[in-house]
Amino acid sequence: VAHEERNLPRDLFIHQVLQWPVARGLNNISGNQTFGVTSGTLDCDQSTELVSVKEVQQYISANMDAIAYDVASGEGQSLHALADLMRLPSENRSDVYARWQQGFDGIFSHDNVTADEVATKLAKLI
């Protein structure tokens, strides 16, 4: 299997948002992630912090209009705060903001879009 470059905060966020129960169950049984993180093997980074999906969803829910405006413009204070919550590295943020801006119509695809839908769509574009 070819080695893929991984953005662990993004991968962890997507994993938690999409909640892949089979993968999670298998990881809990085998203990690969725990061993990988504690030993520094399996391409695991010990310094990676877990992203709280609930905090991200609450922030999006409370700031939906500002986030929509900032995503449409490709910059803004609400995006910076969201990126902080998602633990996005500063050097990647402008690229991520540009992808979010390009994906605006898909992220905010209908008038009643939920914070959960927005969080999932944003995570997929990281």
C-alpha atoms as a PDB file:
ATOM      1  CA  VAL A   1       0.000   0.000   0.000  1.00  0.00           C
ATOM      2  CA  ALA A   2       1.423   3.350  -1.021  1.00  0.00           C
ATOM      3  CA  HIS A   3       2.123   5.845   1.749  1.00  0.00           C
ATOM      4  CA  GLU A   4      -0.291   8.784   1.727  1.00  0.00           C
ATOM      5  CA  GLU A   5       0.511  12.146   3.252  1.00  0.00           C
ATOM      6  CA  ARG A   6      -1.972  12.680   6.064  1.00  0.00           C
ATOM      7  CA  ASN A   7      -3.329  15.738   7.785  1.00  0.00           C
ATOM      8  CA  LEU A   8      -4.201  14.128  11.124  1.00  0.00           C
ATOM      9  CA  PRO A   9      -6.384  16.944  12.523  1.00  0.00           C
ATOM     10  CA  ARG A  10      -8.445  16.829   9.301  1.00  0.00           C
ATOM     11  CA  ASP A  11      -8.591  13.024   9.277  1.00  0.00           C
ATOM     12  CA  LEU A  12      -9.611  12.885  12.933  1.00  0.00           C
ATOM     13  CA  PHE A  13     -12.273  15.543  12.417  1.00  0.00           C
ATOM     14  CA  ILE A  14     -13.751  13.790   9.382  1.00  0.00           C
ATOM     15  CA  HIS A  15     -13.606  10.448  11.209  1.00  0.00           C
ATOM     16  CA  GLN A  16     -15.540  11.855  14.156  1.00  0.00           C
ATOM     17  CA  VAL A  17     -18.063  13.756  12.035  1.00  0.00           C
ATOM     18  CA  LEU A  18     -18.848  10.840   9.775  1.00  0.00           C
ATOM     19  CA  GLN A  19     -18.605   8.343  12.652  1.00  0.00           C
ATOM     20  CA  TRP A  20     -17.413   5.256  10.874  1.00  0.00           C
ATOM     21  CA  PRO A  21     -18.616   2.673  13.408  1.00  0.00           C
ATOM     22  CA  VAL A  22     -16.977  -0.329  11.748  1.00  0.00           C
ATOM     23  CA  ALA A  23     -13.555   1.298  11.569  1.00  0.00           C
ATOM     24  CA  ARG A  24     -13.925   2.653  15.089  1.00  0.00           C
ATOM     25  CA  GLY A  25     -14.928  -0.784  16.381  1.00  0.00           C
ATOM     26  CA  LEU A  26     -11.994  -2.473  14.696  1.00  0.00           C
ATOM     27  CA  ASN A  27      -9.571   0.128  15.998  1.00  0.00           C
ATOM     28  CA  ASN A  28     -10.911  -0.333  19.528  1.00  0.00           C
ATOM     29  CA  ILE A  29     -10.516  -4.100  19.286  1.00  0.00           C
ATOM     30  CA  SER A  30      -7.002  -4.093  17.861  1.00  0.00           C
ATOM     31  CA  GLY A  31      -5.679  -1.029  19.695  1.00  0.00           C
ATOM     32  CA  ASN A  32      -3.685   0.106  16.624  1.00  0.00           C
ATOM     33  CA  GLN A  33      -4.363   3.804  17.096  1.00  0.00           C
ATOM     34  CA  THR A  34      -3.564   3.785  20.807  1.00  0.00           C
ATOM     35  CA  PHE A  35      -0.334   1.887  20.212  1.00  0.00           C
ATOM     36  CA  GLY A  36       0.556   4.054  17.207  1.00  0.00           C
ATOM     37  CA  VAL A  37       0.073   7.338  19.044  1.00  0.00           C
ATOM     38  CA  THR A  38       1.843   6.277  22.244  1.00  0.00           C
ATOM     39  CA  SER A  39       4.775   4.696  20.419  1.00  0.00           C
ATOM     40  CA  GLY A  40       4.978   7.179  17.529  1.00  0.00           C
ATOM     41  CA  THR A  41       4.625   4.415  14.909  1.00  0.00           C
ATOM     42  CA  LEU A  42       1.994   3.758  12.204  1.00  0.00           C
ATOM     43  CA  ASP A  43       2.417   7.343  10.939  1.00  0.00           C
ATOM     44  CA  CYS A  44       0.800   8.641  14.136  1.00  0.00           C
ATOM     45  CA  ASP A  45       1.815  12.037  15.527  1.00  0.00           C
ATOM     46  CA  GLN A  46       1.932  12.201  19.303  1.00  0.00           C
ATOM     47  CA  SER A  47       1.401  15.971  19.329  1.00  0.00           C
ATOM     48  CA  THR A  48      -1.922  15.856  17.468  1.00  0.00           C
ATOM     49  CA  GLU A  49      -4.816  17.108  19.566  1.00  0.00           C
ATOM     50  CA  LEU A  50      -8.285  15.682  19.140  1.00  0.00           C
ATOM     51  CA  VAL A  51     -10.828  18.061  17.711  1.00  0.00           C
ATOM     52  CA  SER A  52     -14.105  18.317  19.583  1.00  0.00           C
ATOM     53  CA  VAL A  53     -16.808  17.845  16.969  1.00  0.00           C
ATOM     54  CA  LYS A  54     -19.417  19.080  19.404  1.00  0.00           C
ATOM     55  CA  GLU A  55     -17.534  22.361  19.954  1.00  0.00           C
ATOM     56  CA  VAL A  56     -17.178  22.861  16.200  1.00  0.00           C
ATOM     57  CA  GLN A  57     -20.869  22.168  15.591  1.00  0.00           C
ATOM     58  CA  GLN A  58     -21.897  24.501  18.435  1.00  0.00           C
ATOM     59  CA  TYR A  59     -19.682  27.253  17.056  1.00  0.00           C
ATOM     60  CA  ILE A  60     -21.079  26.800  13.554  1.00  0.00           C
ATOM     61  CA  SER A  61     -24.647  26.760  14.883  1.00  0.00           C
ATOM     62  CA  ALA A  62     -24.135  29.968  16.877  1.00  0.00           C
ATOM     63  CA  ASN A  63     -22.345  31.747  14.006  1.00  0.00           C
ATOM     64  CA  MET A  64     -23.996  30.316  10.881  1.00  0.00           C
ATOM     65  CA  ASP A  65     -24.671  33.675   9.185  1.00  0.00           C
ATOM     66  CA  ALA A  66     -21.166  35.031   9.828  1.00  0.00           C
ATOM     67  CA  ILE A  67     -19.592  31.768   8.674  1.00  0.00           C
ATOM     68  CA  ALA A  68     -21.686  31.760   5.485  1.00  0.00           C
ATOM     69  CA  TYR A  69     -20.653  35.356   4.779  1.00  0.00           C
ATOM     70  CA  ASP A  70     -16.969  34.649   5.459  1.00  0.00           C
ATOM     71  CA  VAL A  71     -16.970  31.426   3.413  1.00  0.00           C
ATOM     72  CA  ALA A  72     -18.508  33.368   0.510  1.00  0.00           C
ATOM     73  CA  SER A  73     -15.758  35.997   0.769  1.00  0.00           C
ATOM     74  CA  GLY A  74     -12.965  33.483   1.464  1.00  0.00           C
ATOM     75  CA  GLU A  75     -11.783  35.191   4.653  1.00  0.00           C
ATOM     76  CA  GLY A  76     -12.966  36.609   7.928  1.00  0.00           C
ATOM     77  CA  GLN A  77     -12.870  36.426  11.691  1.00  0.00           C
ATOM     78  CA  SER A  78     -15.398  33.590  11.940  1.00  0.00           C
ATOM     79  CA  LEU A  79     -13.248  31.431   9.644  1.00  0.00           C
ATOM     80  CA  HIS A  80     -10.149  32.145  11.735  1.00  0.00           C
ATOM     81  CA  ALA A  81     -11.980  31.124  14.914  1.00  0.00           C
ATOM     82  CA  LEU A  82     -13.371  28.011  13.215  1.00  0.00           C
ATOM     83  CA  ALA A  83      -9.921  27.082  11.920  1.00  0.00           C
ATOM     84  CA  ASP A  84      -8.572  27.446  15.476  1.00  0.00           C
ATOM     85  CA  LEU A  85     -11.284  25.110  16.792  1.00  0.00           C
ATOM     86  CA  MET A  86     -10.513  22.628  14.007  1.00  0.00           C
ATOM     87  CA  ARG A  87      -6.775  22.871  14.752  1.00  0.00           C
ATOM     88  CA  LEU A  88      -5.914  23.752  11.157  1.00  0.00           C
ATOM     89  CA  PRO A  89      -2.260  24.675  10.731  1.00  0.00           C
ATOM     90  CA  SER A  90      -1.841  28.387   9.917  1.00  0.00           C
ATOM     91  CA  GLU A  91       0.187  27.661   6.811  1.00  0.00           C
ATOM     92  CA  ASN A  92      -2.737  25.693   5.276  1.00  0.00           C
ATOM     93  CA  ARG A  93      -5.553  28.081   6.109  1.00  0.00           C
ATOM     94  CA  SER A  94      -5.544  30.266   2.994  1.00  0.00           C
ATOM     95  CA  ASP A  95      -5.773  27.159   0.788  1.00  0.00           C
ATOM     96  CA  VAL A  96      -8.567  25.727   2.934  1.00  0.00           C
ATOM     97  CA  TYR A  97     -10.459  29.038   2.896  1.00  0.00           C
ATOM     98  CA  ALA A  98     -10.169  29.121  -0.903  1.00  0.00           C
ATOM     99  CA  ARG A  99     -11.569  25.561  -1.178  1.00  0.00           C
ATOM    100  CA  TRP A 100     -14.425  26.484   1.148  1.00  0.00           C
ATOM    101  CA  GLN A 101     -15.127  29.595  -0.918  1.00  0.00           C
ATOM    102  CA  GLN A 102     -15.189  27.552  -4.137  1.00  0.00           C
ATOM    103  CA  GLY A 103     -17.480  25.006  -2.473  1.00  0.00           C
ATOM    104  CA  PHE A 104     -19.879  27.577  -1.002  1.00  0.00           C
ATOM    105  CA  ASP A 105     -22.919  26.430  -3.020  1.00  0.00           C
ATOM    106  CA  GLY A 106     -22.387  22.838  -1.913  1.00  0.00           C
ATOM    107  CA  ILE A 107     -21.767  23.746   1.729  1.00  0.00           C
ATOM    108  CA  PHE A 108     -24.796  26.004   2.038  1.00  0.00           C
ATOM    109  CA  SER A 109     -26.921  23.999  -0.389  1.00  0.00           C
ATOM    110  CA  HIS A 110     -30.330  24.944   1.021  1.00  0.00           C
ATOM    111  CA  ASP A 111     -31.943  27.514   3.319  1.00  0.00           C
ATOM    112  CA  ASN A 112     -32.323  25.143   6.260  1.00  0.00           C
ATOM    113  CA  VAL A 113     -28.803  23.684   6.250  1.00  0.00           C
ATOM    114  CA  THR A 114     -27.791  22.462   9.712  1.00  0.00           C
ATOM    115  CA  ALA A 115     -24.553  23.010  11.606  1.00  0.00           C
ATOM    116  CA  ASP A 116     -23.893  19.273  11.338  1.00  0.00           C
ATOM    117  CA  GLU A 117     -24.239  19.388   7.536  1.00  0.00           C
ATOM    118  CA  VAL A 118     -21.993  22.444   7.300  1.00  0.00           C
ATOM    119  CA  ALA A 119     -19.353  20.875   9.580  1.00  0.00           C
ATOM    120  CA  THR A 120     -19.316  17.679   7.513  1.00  0.00           C
ATOM    121  CA  LYS A 121     -19.065  19.549   4.201  1.00  0.00           C
ATOM    122  CA  LEU A 122     -16.315  21.852   5.485  1.00  0.00           C
ATOM    123  CA  ALA A 123     -14.324  18.889   6.802  1.00  0.00           C
ATOM    124  CA  LYS A 124     -14.515  17.130   3.443  1.00  0.00           C
ATOM    125  CA  LEU A 125     -12.956  20.184   1.766  1.00  0.00           C
ATOM    126  CA  ILE A 126      -9.965  20.431   4.114  1.00  0.00           C
END
